[in-house]
C-alpha cells in the first residue's frame, strides 16, 4: 500500500468517525425523547431502530439500539425479536 493510499484510508476512517459521532448526538436525543415522552408510535420507534441498526459497529450506538429495543419490547415483543434477529444477521461474528 502506498503512502497516498494510506492517507486516503485514514481520511475515510476519520470521516466515518465524524459521521458516527454526529449520528450519536442526534439519535441519543431521539431515544431519550422516546423514553421521556413514553412514545408508543411504533412507526416512530421503528424508524429510529432502523437507523441505529446501521451504526451498531459503534459501542455507544449499540447501547442506544439495545436501550430502545428493551423499551420497544413492552410495546411490540414480536417486532423487537425480529430486530434482534436482524442485528445478529448484520453484526454477530459467530
Protein backbone atom coordinates (compact mmCIF):
# COMPACT_ATOMS: atom_id res chain seq x y z
CA UNK A 1 0.00 0.00 0.00
CA UNK A 2 1.35 3.40 -0.92
CA UNK A 3 1.57 6.42 1.37
CA UNK A 4 -1.18 8.10 -0.68
CA UNK A 5 -3.46 5.09 -0.27
CA UNK A 6 -2.82 5.02 3.47
CA UNK A 7 -3.60 8.74 3.72
CA UNK A 8 -6.81 8.19 1.74
CA UNK A 9 -7.80 5.36 4.07
CA UNK A 10 -7.03 7.49 7.12
CA UNK A 11 -9.20 10.32 5.80
CA UNK A 12 -12.00 7.86 5.05
CA UNK A 13 -11.84 6.40 8.56
CA UNK A 14 -11.86 9.88 10.09
CA UNK A 15 -14.93 10.84 8.07
CA UNK A 16 -16.77 7.70 9.23
CA UNK A 17 -15.88 8.54 12.83
CA UNK A 18 -17.18 12.08 12.39
CA UNK A 19 -20.45 10.87 10.85
CA UNK A 20 -20.88 8.33 13.64
CA UNK A 21 -20.26 10.99 16.29
CA UNK A 22 -22.83 13.31 14.71
CA UNK A 23 -25.34 10.45 14.43
CA UNK A 24 -24.82 9.58 18.09
CA UNK A 25 -25.62 13.12 19.17
CA UNK A 26 -28.79 13.14 17.07
CA UNK A 27 -30.07 9.69 17.97
CA UNK A 28 -29.17 9.81 21.65
CA UNK A 29 -31.55 12.73 22.00
CA UNK A 30 -34.23 10.95 19.96
CA UNK A 31 -34.02 7.80 22.09
CA UNK A 32 -34.14 9.93 25.24
CA UNK A 33 -37.17 11.78 23.88
CA UNK A 34 -38.97 8.50 23.17
CA UNK A 35 -38.33 7.41 26.77
CA UNK A 36 -39.16 10.77 28.32
CA UNK A 37 -42.42 11.17 26.40
CA UNK A 38 -43.35 7.48 26.66
CA UNK A 39 -43.82 7.36 22.88
CA UNK A 40 -45.94 4.43 21.73
CA UNK A 41 -45.93 5.24 18.00
CA UNK A 42 -44.46 2.05 16.55
CA UNK A 43 -43.54 3.65 13.24
CA UNK A 44 -41.54 6.36 15.00
CA UNK A 45 -39.76 3.86 17.25
CA UNK A 46 -39.02 1.53 14.34
CA UNK A 47 -37.67 4.43 12.27
CA UNK A 48 -35.10 5.13 14.97
CA UNK A 49 -34.27 1.44 15.48
CA UNK A 50 -33.76 1.02 11.73
CA UNK A 51 -31.22 3.83 11.69
CA UNK A 52 -29.46 2.60 14.82
CA UNK A 53 -29.02 -0.84 13.27
CA UNK A 54 -26.71 0.64 10.67
CA UNK A 55 -24.43 2.10 13.33
CA UNK A 56 -24.12 -0.89 15.68
CA UNK A 57 -20.41 -1.18 14.88
CA UNK A 58 -20.05 1.65 17.39
CA UNK A 59 -20.40 0.67 21.07
CA UNK A 60 -22.35 3.79 22.03
CA UNK A 61 -24.81 3.35 19.16
CA UNK A 62 -25.15 -0.32 20.08
CA UNK A 63 -26.13 0.73 23.60
CA UNK A 64 -28.78 3.09 22.19
CA UNK A 65 -30.08 0.27 19.98
CA UNK A 66 -30.34 -2.11 22.94
CA UNK A 67 -31.94 0.52 25.16
CA UNK A 68 -34.59 1.30 22.57
CA UNK A 69 -35.21 -2.40 21.90
CA UNK A 70 -35.79 -3.03 25.62
CA UNK A 71 -38.29 -0.18 25.63
CA UNK A 72 -39.98 -1.36 22.42
CA UNK A 73 -40.27 -4.93 23.72
CA UNK A 74 -43.02 -3.80 26.09
CA UNK A 75 -44.93 -2.36 23.13
CA UNK A 76 -44.32 -4.97 20.44
CA UNK A 77 -42.36 -8.06 21.54
CA UNK A 78 -42.64 -9.76 18.15
CA UNK A 79 -41.17 -6.84 16.21
CA UNK A 80 -38.43 -6.42 18.80
CA UNK A 81 -37.43 -10.07 18.40
CA UNK A 82 -37.25 -9.52 14.65
CA UNK A 83 -34.90 -6.60 15.21
CA UNK A 84 -32.72 -8.76 17.45
CA UNK A 85 -32.56 -11.35 14.67
CA UNK A 86 -31.67 -8.69 12.09
CA UNK A 87 -28.97 -7.38 14.41
CA UNK A 88 -27.46 -10.86 14.72
CA UNK A 89 -27.53 -11.33 10.95
CA UNK A 90 -25.79 -7.99 10.39
CA UNK A 91 -23.32 -7.81 13.25
CA UNK A 92 -22.83 -11.13 15.04
CA UNK A 93 -19.47 -12.68 14.14
CA UNK A 94 -20.43 -16.17 15.27
